[in-house]
């Protein structure tokens, strides 16, 4: 019990996670009240196959986001704050866009199989409506978590590779289980880039320049913007 109290005192920033309570209530409101006016369905979506095994990374997303917040919260307050701003800010922007441009999709196939993966997807379809899909929060949050872990000093190169693989798998899962159109993925990625630039890219470049180091090419600038961590944040 004393260890728990000591941990809570030393990690009081975790209380900020309560910000997700109103955000989830907001999302629930959108799900129950917004009627789609724009159906997102492209010719490319018709060529993308339905691959039910991708329900696995789709579900892993929930644990991936939780892991990212907990891991950064334990290892670096600054990394935690950045990720929290990234995710909560992005979710709020998505909800505003859902209300301004009510959207949905009609890509879901009829599933007649009774295997475990098929049942899991059918269950997903019952609890997650095909509305409020663009931008994709699954895509946006996955990129955010990978960005936070990639820029965290305590995260090893091997772990970064695993995180990147999970991020890509989750993004692909959204279209392979027909939860999102390719348009949702594109806009989710663009929104993530908008948040990434001020939260990670610009600070990384400024930190690099503070050491009086020079850029030798555009590729150098890109690499530094994506990942530069000469010392722990905290």
C-alpha atoms as a PDB file:
ATOM      1  CA  UNK A   1       0.000   0.000   0.000  1.00  0.00           C
ATOM      2  CA  UNK A   2       2.840   2.391   0.820  1.00  0.00           C
ATOM      3  CA  UNK A   3       4.409   1.682  -2.564  1.00  0.00           C
ATOM      4  CA  UNK A   4       1.132   2.518  -4.282  1.00  0.00           C
ATOM      5  CA  UNK A   5       0.818   5.793  -2.386  1.00  0.00           C
ATOM      6  CA  UNK A   6       4.431   6.668  -3.176  1.00  0.00           C
ATOM      7  CA  UNK A   7       3.868   5.911  -6.869  1.00  0.00           C
ATOM      8  CA  UNK A   8       0.749   8.083  -6.977  1.00  0.00           C
ATOM      9  CA  UNK A   9       2.541  10.977  -5.276  1.00  0.00           C
ATOM     10  CA  UNK A  10       5.394  10.724  -7.732  1.00  0.00           C
ATOM     11  CA  UNK A  11       3.142  10.423 -10.776  1.00  0.00           C
ATOM     12  CA  UNK A  12       0.309  12.819 -10.036  1.00  0.00           C
ATOM     13  CA  UNK A  13       0.279  13.801 -13.719  1.00  0.00           C
ATOM     14  CA  UNK A  14      -1.656  10.609 -14.376  1.00  0.00           C
ATOM     15  CA  UNK A  15      -4.704  12.419 -12.998  1.00  0.00           C
ATOM     16  CA  UNK A  16      -4.749  14.316 -16.293  1.00  0.00           C
ATOM     17  CA  UNK A  17      -6.011  11.121 -17.912  1.00  0.00           C
ATOM     18  CA  UNK A  18      -9.444  12.063 -16.582  1.00  0.00           C
ATOM     19  CA  UNK A  19      -9.617  14.403 -19.557  1.00  0.00           C
ATOM     20  CA  UNK A  20     -10.714  11.347 -21.533  1.00  0.00           C
ATOM     21  CA  UNK A  21     -13.973  11.170 -19.554  1.00  0.00           C
ATOM     22  CA  UNK A  22     -15.549  14.226 -21.249  1.00  0.00           C
ATOM     23  CA  UNK A  23     -13.912  13.247 -24.547  1.00  0.00           C
ATOM     24  CA  UNK A  24     -15.517   9.807 -24.468  1.00  0.00           C
ATOM     25  CA  UNK A  25     -18.846  11.372 -23.500  1.00  0.00           C
ATOM     26  CA  UNK A  26     -18.482  13.703 -26.477  1.00  0.00           C
ATOM     27  CA  UNK A  27     -17.799  10.762 -28.767  1.00  0.00           C
ATOM     28  CA  UNK A  28     -20.807   8.915 -27.375  1.00  0.00           C
ATOM     29  CA  UNK A  29     -22.948  11.948 -28.175  1.00  0.00           C
ATOM     30  CA  UNK A  30     -21.635  11.977 -31.749  1.00  0.00           C
ATOM     31  CA  UNK A  31     -22.326   8.273 -32.175  1.00  0.00           C
ATOM     32  CA  UNK A  32     -25.909   8.572 -30.934  1.00  0.00           C
ATOM     33  CA  UNK A  33     -26.939  11.841 -32.544  1.00  0.00           C
ATOM     34  CA  UNK A  34     -25.002  12.519 -35.727  1.00  0.00           C
ATOM     35  CA  UNK A  35     -26.610  11.328 -38.940  1.00  0.00           C
ATOM     36  CA  UNK A  36     -24.099  10.991 -41.809  1.00  0.00           C
ATOM     37  CA  UNK A  37     -24.534  13.367 -44.727  1.00  0.00           C
ATOM     38  CA  UNK A  38     -21.365  12.310 -46.522  1.00  0.00           C
ATOM     39  CA  UNK A  39     -20.701   8.632 -47.321  1.00  0.00           C
ATOM     40  CA  UNK A  40     -17.013   7.957 -47.894  1.00  0.00           C
ATOM     41  CA  UNK A  41     -16.486   5.240 -50.474  1.00  0.00           C
ATOM     42  CA  UNK A  42     -13.876   5.298 -53.241  1.00  0.00           C
ATOM     43  CA  UNK A  43     -13.041   3.013 -56.146  1.00  0.00           C
ATOM     44  CA  UNK A  44      -9.831   2.079 -54.350  1.00  0.00           C
ATOM     45  CA  UNK A  45     -11.834   0.881 -51.350  1.00  0.00           C
ATOM     46  CA  UNK A  46     -13.529  -1.651 -53.608  1.00  0.00           C
ATOM     47  CA  UNK A  47     -10.139  -3.090 -54.543  1.00  0.00           C
ATOM     48  CA  UNK A  48      -8.920  -3.400 -50.960  1.00  0.00           C
ATOM     49  CA  UNK A  49      -9.640  -6.949 -49.730  1.00  0.00           C
ATOM     50  CA  UNK A  50     -11.438  -7.835 -46.541  1.00  0.00           C
ATOM     51  CA  UNK A  51      -8.863  -9.631 -44.368  1.00  0.00           C
ATOM     52  CA  UNK A  52     -10.389 -10.749 -41.112  1.00  0.00           C
ATOM     53  CA  UNK A  53      -7.090 -11.565 -39.367  1.00  0.00           C
ATOM     54  CA  UNK A  54      -6.497  -7.815 -39.163  1.00  0.00           C
ATOM     55  CA  UNK A  55      -9.103  -7.642 -36.430  1.00  0.00           C
ATOM     56  CA  UNK A  56      -6.194  -8.589 -34.153  1.00  0.00           C
ATOM     57  CA  UNK A  57      -4.129  -5.384 -34.641  1.00  0.00           C
ATOM     58  CA  UNK A  58      -7.378  -3.398 -34.733  1.00  0.00           C
ATOM     59  CA  UNK A  59      -8.172  -4.568 -31.189  1.00  0.00           C
ATOM     60  CA  UNK A  60      -4.528  -4.247 -30.090  1.00  0.00           C
ATOM     61  CA  UNK A  61      -4.940  -0.503 -30.694  1.00  0.00           C
ATOM     62  CA  UNK A  62      -6.773  -0.120 -27.380  1.00  0.00           C
ATOM     63  CA  UNK A  63      -3.859  -1.660 -25.475  1.00  0.00           C
ATOM     64  CA  UNK A  64      -1.271   0.152 -27.606  1.00  0.00           C
ATOM     65  CA  UNK A  65      -2.680   3.577 -26.753  1.00  0.00           C
ATOM     66  CA  UNK A  66      -2.960   2.678 -23.058  1.00  0.00           C
ATOM     67  CA  UNK A  67       0.623   1.369 -23.067  1.00  0.00           C
ATOM     68  CA  UNK A  68       1.915   4.547 -24.690  1.00  0.00           C
ATOM     69  CA  UNK A  69       0.306   6.786 -22.099  1.00  0.00           C
ATOM     70  CA  UNK A  70       1.412   4.639 -19.159  1.00  0.00           C
ATOM     71  CA  UNK A  71       4.958   4.094 -20.435  1.00  0.00           C
ATOM     72  CA  UNK A  72       5.589   7.762 -21.155  1.00  0.00           C
ATOM     73  CA  UNK A  73       3.913   8.718 -17.876  1.00  0.00           C
ATOM     74  CA  UNK A  74       6.317   6.530 -15.938  1.00  0.00           C
ATOM     75  CA  UNK A  75       9.464   7.476 -17.833  1.00  0.00           C
ATOM     76  CA  UNK A  76       9.041  11.151 -18.714  1.00  0.00           C
ATOM     77  CA  UNK A  77       6.519  13.793 -17.723  1.00  0.00           C
ATOM     78  CA  UNK A  78       7.319  15.894 -20.774  1.00  0.00           C
ATOM     79  CA  UNK A  79       6.830  12.950 -23.131  1.00  0.00           C
ATOM     80  CA  UNK A  80       3.561  12.154 -21.357  1.00  0.00           C
ATOM     81  CA  UNK A  81       2.324  15.747 -21.675  1.00  0.00           C
ATOM     82  CA  UNK A  82       3.165  15.827 -25.366  1.00  0.00           C
ATOM     83  CA  UNK A  83       1.375  12.563 -26.045  1.00  0.00           C
ATOM     84  CA  UNK A  84      -1.636  13.616 -24.001  1.00  0.00           C
ATOM     85  CA  UNK A  85      -1.886  16.898 -25.919  1.00  0.00           C
ATOM     86  CA  UNK A  86      -1.464  14.990 -29.184  1.00  0.00           C
ATOM     87  CA  UNK A  87      -4.191  12.420 -28.478  1.00  0.00           C
ATOM     88  CA  UNK A  88      -6.722  14.534 -26.606  1.00  0.00           C
ATOM     89  CA  UNK A  89      -6.280  17.519 -28.921  1.00  0.00           C
ATOM     90  CA  UNK A  90      -6.572  15.354 -32.002  1.00  0.00           C
ATOM     91  CA  UNK A  91      -9.663  13.573 -30.726  1.00  0.00           C
ATOM     92  CA  UNK A  92     -11.324  16.935 -30.010  1.00  0.00           C
ATOM     93  CA  UNK A  93     -10.527  18.128 -33.546  1.00  0.00           C
ATOM     94  CA  UNK A  94     -11.961  14.894 -34.967  1.00  0.00           C
ATOM     95  CA  UNK A  95     -15.195  15.321 -33.028  1.00  0.00           C
ATOM     96  CA  UNK A  96     -15.552  18.898 -34.260  1.00  0.00           C
ATOM     97  CA  UNK A  97     -15.053  17.708 -37.827  1.00  0.00           C
ATOM     98  CA  UNK A  98     -17.616  14.937 -37.323  1.00  0.00           C
ATOM     99  CA  UNK A  99     -20.147  17.552 -36.232  1.00  0.00           C
ATOM    100  CA  UNK A 100     -19.305  19.983 -39.026  1.00  0.00           C
ATOM    101  CA  UNK A 101     -19.093  17.317 -41.731  1.00  0.00           C
ATOM    102  CA  UNK A 102     -21.234  14.342 -40.619  1.00  0.00           C
ATOM    103  CA  UNK A 103     -19.766  11.334 -42.346  1.00  0.00           C
ATOM    104  CA  UNK A 104     -19.967   7.575 -42.501  1.00  0.00           C
ATOM    105  CA  UNK A 105     -19.114   4.586 -44.684  1.00  0.00           C
ATOM    106  CA  UNK A 106     -20.925   1.676 -46.333  1.00  0.00           C
ATOM    107  CA  UNK A 107     -18.005  -0.715 -46.803  1.00  0.00           C
ATOM    108  CA  UNK A 108     -18.901  -3.452 -44.327  1.00  0.00           C
ATOM    109  CA  UNK A 109     -19.415  -6.901 -45.874  1.00  0.00           C
ATOM    110  CA  UNK A 110     -22.000  -9.457 -44.827  1.00  0.00           C
ATOM    111  CA  UNK A 111     -20.189 -11.929 -42.595  1.00  0.00           C
ATOM    112  CA  UNK A 112     -21.625 -15.437 -42.617  1.00  0.00           C
ATOM    113  CA  UNK A 113     -18.656 -17.395 -41.240  1.00  0.00           C
ATOM    114  CA  UNK A 114     -18.730 -18.499 -37.624  1.00  0.00           C
ATOM    115  CA  UNK A 115     -15.010 -18.770 -36.839  1.00  0.00           C
ATOM    116  CA  UNK A 116     -13.538 -16.773 -33.964  1.00  0.00           C
ATOM    117  CA  UNK A 117     -12.186 -13.924 -36.087  1.00  0.00           C
ATOM    118  CA  UNK A 118     -15.466 -13.541 -37.946  1.00  0.00           C
ATOM    119  CA  UNK A 119     -17.404 -13.472 -34.701  1.00  0.00           C
ATOM    120  CA  UNK A 120     -15.023 -10.858 -33.329  1.00  0.00           C
ATOM    121  CA  UNK A 121     -15.579  -8.612 -36.351  1.00  0.00           C
ATOM    122  CA  UNK A 122     -19.343  -9.068 -36.187  1.00  0.00           C
ATOM    123  CA  UNK A 123     -19.219  -8.065 -32.526  1.00  0.00           C
ATOM    124  CA  UNK A 124     -17.109  -5.029 -33.411  1.00  0.00           C
ATOM    125  CA  UNK A 125     -19.696  -4.008 -35.990  1.00  0.00           C
ATOM    126  CA  UNK A 126     -22.417  -4.107 -33.317  1.00  0.00           C
ATOM    127  CA  UNK A 127     -20.606  -1.841 -30.864  1.00  0.00           C
ATOM    128  CA  UNK A 128     -18.897   0.558 -33.304  1.00  0.00           C
ATOM    129  CA  UNK A 129     -21.170   2.245 -35.816  1.00  0.00           C
ATOM    130  CA  UNK A 130     -19.976   3.001 -39.383  1.00  0.00           C
ATOM    131  CA  UNK A 131     -20.348   6.718 -38.658  1.00  0.00           C
ATOM    132  CA  UNK A 132     -17.927   9.447 -37.562  1.00  0.00           C
ATOM    133  CA  UNK A 133     -15.086   7.822 -39.442  1.00  0.00           C
ATOM    134  CA  UNK A 134     -13.107  10.638 -41.076  1.00  0.00           C
ATOM    135  CA  UNK A 135     -10.493  11.413 -39.887  1.00  0.00           C
ATOM    136  CA  UNK A 136      -9.736   7.983 -38.427  1.00  0.00           C
ATOM    137  CA  UNK A 137      -8.993   8.231 -34.707  1.00  0.00           C
ATOM    138  CA  UNK A 138      -7.479   4.738 -34.858  1.00  0.00           C
ATOM    139  CA  UNK A 139      -4.912   6.002 -37.354  1.00  0.00           C
ATOM    140  CA  UNK A 140      -4.344   9.348 -35.652  1.00  0.00           C
ATOM    141  CA  UNK A 141      -3.785   7.934 -32.163  1.00  0.00           C
ATOM    142  CA  UNK A 142      -1.547   5.120 -33.425  1.00  0.00           C
ATOM    143  CA  UNK A 143       0.753   7.607 -35.123  1.00  0.00           C
ATOM    144  CA  UNK A 144       0.731   9.725 -31.967  1.00  0.00           C
ATOM    145  CA  UNK A 145       1.754   6.853 -29.710  1.00  0.00           C
ATOM    146  CA  UNK A 146       4.536   5.763 -32.061  1.00  0.00           C
ATOM    147  CA  UNK A 147       5.788   9.349 -32.262  1.00  0.00           C
ATOM    148  CA  UNK A 148       5.897   9.644 -28.473  1.00  0.00           C
ATOM    149  CA  UNK A 149       7.727   6.341 -28.021  1.00  0.00           C
ATOM    150  CA  UNK A 150      10.101   7.056 -30.880  1.00  0.00           C
ATOM    151  CA  UNK A 151      11.127  10.331 -29.261  1.00  0.00           C
ATOM    152  CA  UNK A 152      11.479   8.879 -25.776  1.00  0.00           C
ATOM    153  CA  UNK A 153      15.041   8.423 -24.544  1.00  0.00           C
ATOM    154  CA  UNK A 154      14.200   5.302 -22.522  1.00  0.00           C
ATOM    155  CA  UNK A 155      12.765   3.490 -25.563  1.00  0.00           C
ATOM    156  CA  UNK A 156      15.345   1.265 -27.278  1.00  0.00           C
ATOM    157  CA  UNK A 157      15.799   0.920 -31.026  1.00  0.00           C
ATOM    158  CA  UNK A 158      14.380  -2.619 -31.018  1.00  0.00           C
ATOM    159  CA  UNK A 159      11.302  -1.438 -29.152  1.00  0.00           C
ATOM    160  CA  UNK A 160      10.924   1.396 -31.652  1.00  0.00           C
ATOM    161  CA  UNK A 161      10.843  -1.135 -34.474  1.00  0.00           C
ATOM    162  CA  UNK A 162       8.108  -3.084 -32.705  1.00  0.00           C
ATOM    163  CA  UNK A 163       6.130   0.104 -32.102  1.00  0.00           C
ATOM    164  CA  UNK A 164       6.449   1.129 -35.749  1.00  0.00           C
ATOM    165  CA  UNK A 165       5.286  -2.314 -36.877  1.00  0.00           C
ATOM    166  CA  UNK A 166       2.261  -2.115 -34.573  1.00  0.00           C
ATOM    167  CA  UNK A 167       1.429   1.385 -35.774  1.00  0.00           C
ATOM    168  CA  UNK A 168       1.503   0.339 -39.435  1.00  0.00           C
ATOM    169  CA  UNK A 169      -0.475  -2.842 -38.710  1.00  0.00           C
ATOM    170  CA  UNK A 170      -3.162  -0.910 -36.867  1.00  0.00           C
ATOM    171  CA  UNK A 171      -3.471   1.667 -39.643  1.00  0.00           C
ATOM    172  CA  UNK A 172      -3.813  -1.099 -42.242  1.00  0.00           C
ATOM    173  CA  UNK A 173      -6.323  -2.941 -40.084  1.00  0.00           C
ATOM    174  CA  UNK A 174      -8.787  -0.077 -40.341  1.00  0.00           C
ATOM    175  CA  UNK A 175      -9.222  -0.650 -44.074  1.00  0.00           C
ATOM    176  CA  UNK A 176      -8.799  -4.437 -44.114  1.00  0.00           C
ATOM    177  CA  UNK A 177     -11.619  -5.014 -41.618  1.00  0.00           C
ATOM    178  CA  UNK A 178     -13.681  -2.403 -43.494  1.00  0.00           C
ATOM    179  CA  UNK A 179     -14.014  -0.029 -40.580  1.00  0.00           C
ATOM    180  CA  UNK A 180     -12.655   2.872 -42.595  1.00  0.00           C
ATOM    181  CA  UNK A 181     -12.271   4.148 -46.115  1.00  0.00           C
ATOM    182  CA  UNK A 182      -8.821   4.926 -47.443  1.00  0.00           C
ATOM    183  CA  UNK A 183      -9.908   8.579 -47.254  1.00  0.00           C
ATOM    184  CA  UNK A 184     -10.259   8.285 -43.470  1.00  0.00           C
ATOM    185  CA  UNK A 185      -6.709   6.936 -43.242  1.00  0.00           C
ATOM    186  CA  UNK A 186      -5.296   9.741 -45.374  1.00  0.00           C
ATOM    187  CA  UNK A 187      -6.979  12.483 -43.360  1.00  0.00           C
ATOM    188  CA  UNK A 188      -6.068  10.789 -40.088  1.00  0.00           C
ATOM    189  CA  UNK A 189      -2.434  10.783 -41.212  1.00  0.00           C
ATOM    190  CA  UNK A 190      -2.551  14.428 -42.327  1.00  0.00           C
ATOM    191  CA  UNK A 191      -4.068  15.486 -39.007  1.00  0.00           C
ATOM    192  CA  UNK A 192      -1.343  13.562 -37.166  1.00  0.00           C
ATOM    193  CA  UNK A 193       1.294  15.391 -39.206  1.00  0.00           C
ATOM    194  CA  UNK A 194      -0.248  18.736 -38.232  1.00  0.00           C
ATOM    195  CA  UNK A 195       0.071  17.843 -34.547  1.00  0.00           C
ATOM    196  CA  UNK A 196       3.490  16.216 -34.950  1.00  0.00           C
ATOM    197  CA  UNK A 197       5.199  19.295 -36.363  1.00  0.00           C
ATOM    198  CA  UNK A 198       4.804  21.614 -33.325  1.00  0.00           C
ATOM    199  CA  UNK A 199       4.976  18.855 -30.705  1.00  0.00           C
ATOM    200  CA  UNK A 200       7.986  16.918 -31.980  1.00  0.00           C
ATOM    201  CA  UNK A 201       9.534  18.087 -35.264  1.00  0.00           C
ATOM    202  CA  UNK A 202      10.176  21.728 -34.368  1.00  0.00           C
ATOM    203  CA  UNK A 203      11.410  20.987 -30.797  1.00  0.00           C
ATOM    204  CA  UNK A 204      13.734  18.288 -32.162  1.00  0.00           C
ATOM    205  CA  UNK A 205      15.234  20.631 -34.725  1.00  0.00           C
ATOM    206  CA  UNK A 206      15.662  23.430 -32.174  1.00  0.00           C
ATOM    207  CA  UNK A 207      17.316  21.052 -29.731  1.00  0.00           C
ATOM    208  CA  UNK A 208      19.700  19.829 -32.410  1.00  0.00           C
ATOM    209  CA  UNK A 209      20.631  23.379 -33.382  1.00  0.00           C
ATOM    210  CA  UNK A 210      21.184  24.316 -29.728  1.00  0.00           C
ATOM    211  CA  UNK A 211      24.245  22.072 -29.829  1.00  0.00           C
ATOM    212  CA  UNK A 212      25.610  24.208 -32.685  1.00  0.00           C
ATOM    213  CA  UNK A 213      25.242  21.304 -35.051  1.00  0.00           C
ATOM    214  CA  UNK A 214      24.764  21.831 -38.763  1.00  0.00           C
ATOM    215  CA  UNK A 215      22.369  20.304 -41.252  1.00  0.00           C
ATOM    216  CA  UNK A 216      24.013  18.753 -44.280  1.00  0.00           C
ATOM    217  CA  UNK A 217      20.929  17.819 -46.282  1.00  0.00           C
ATOM    218  CA  UNK A 218      17.150  17.793 -46.262  1.00  0.00           C
ATOM    219  CA  UNK A 219      17.396  14.140 -45.266  1.00  0.00           C
ATOM    220  CA  UNK A 220      19.276  15.170 -42.117  1.00  0.00           C
ATOM    221  CA  UNK A 221      16.503  17.603 -41.215  1.00  0.00           C
ATOM    222  CA  UNK A 222      13.884  14.894 -41.766  1.00  0.00           C
ATOM    223  CA  UNK A 223      15.733  12.360 -39.622  1.00  0.00           C
ATOM    224  CA  UNK A 224      16.169  14.852 -36.803  1.00  0.00           C
ATOM    225  CA  UNK A 225      12.530  15.940 -36.999  1.00  0.00           C
ATOM    226  CA  UNK A 226      11.404  12.325 -36.767  1.00  0.00           C
ATOM    227  CA  UNK A 227      13.681  11.320 -33.916  1.00  0.00           C
ATOM    228  CA  UNK A 228      16.290  13.294 -32.024  1.00  0.00           C
ATOM    229  CA  UNK A 229      16.927  12.572 -28.338  1.00  0.00           C
ATOM    230  CA  UNK A 230      20.462  13.284 -27.101  1.00  0.00           C
ATOM    231  CA  UNK A 231      19.414  13.000 -23.446  1.00  0.00           C
ATOM    232  CA  UNK A 232      16.343  12.120 -21.376  1.00  0.00           C
ATOM    233  CA  UNK A 233      13.540  14.683 -21.306  1.00  0.00           C
ATOM    234  CA  UNK A 234      13.458  14.631 -17.503  1.00  0.00           C
END
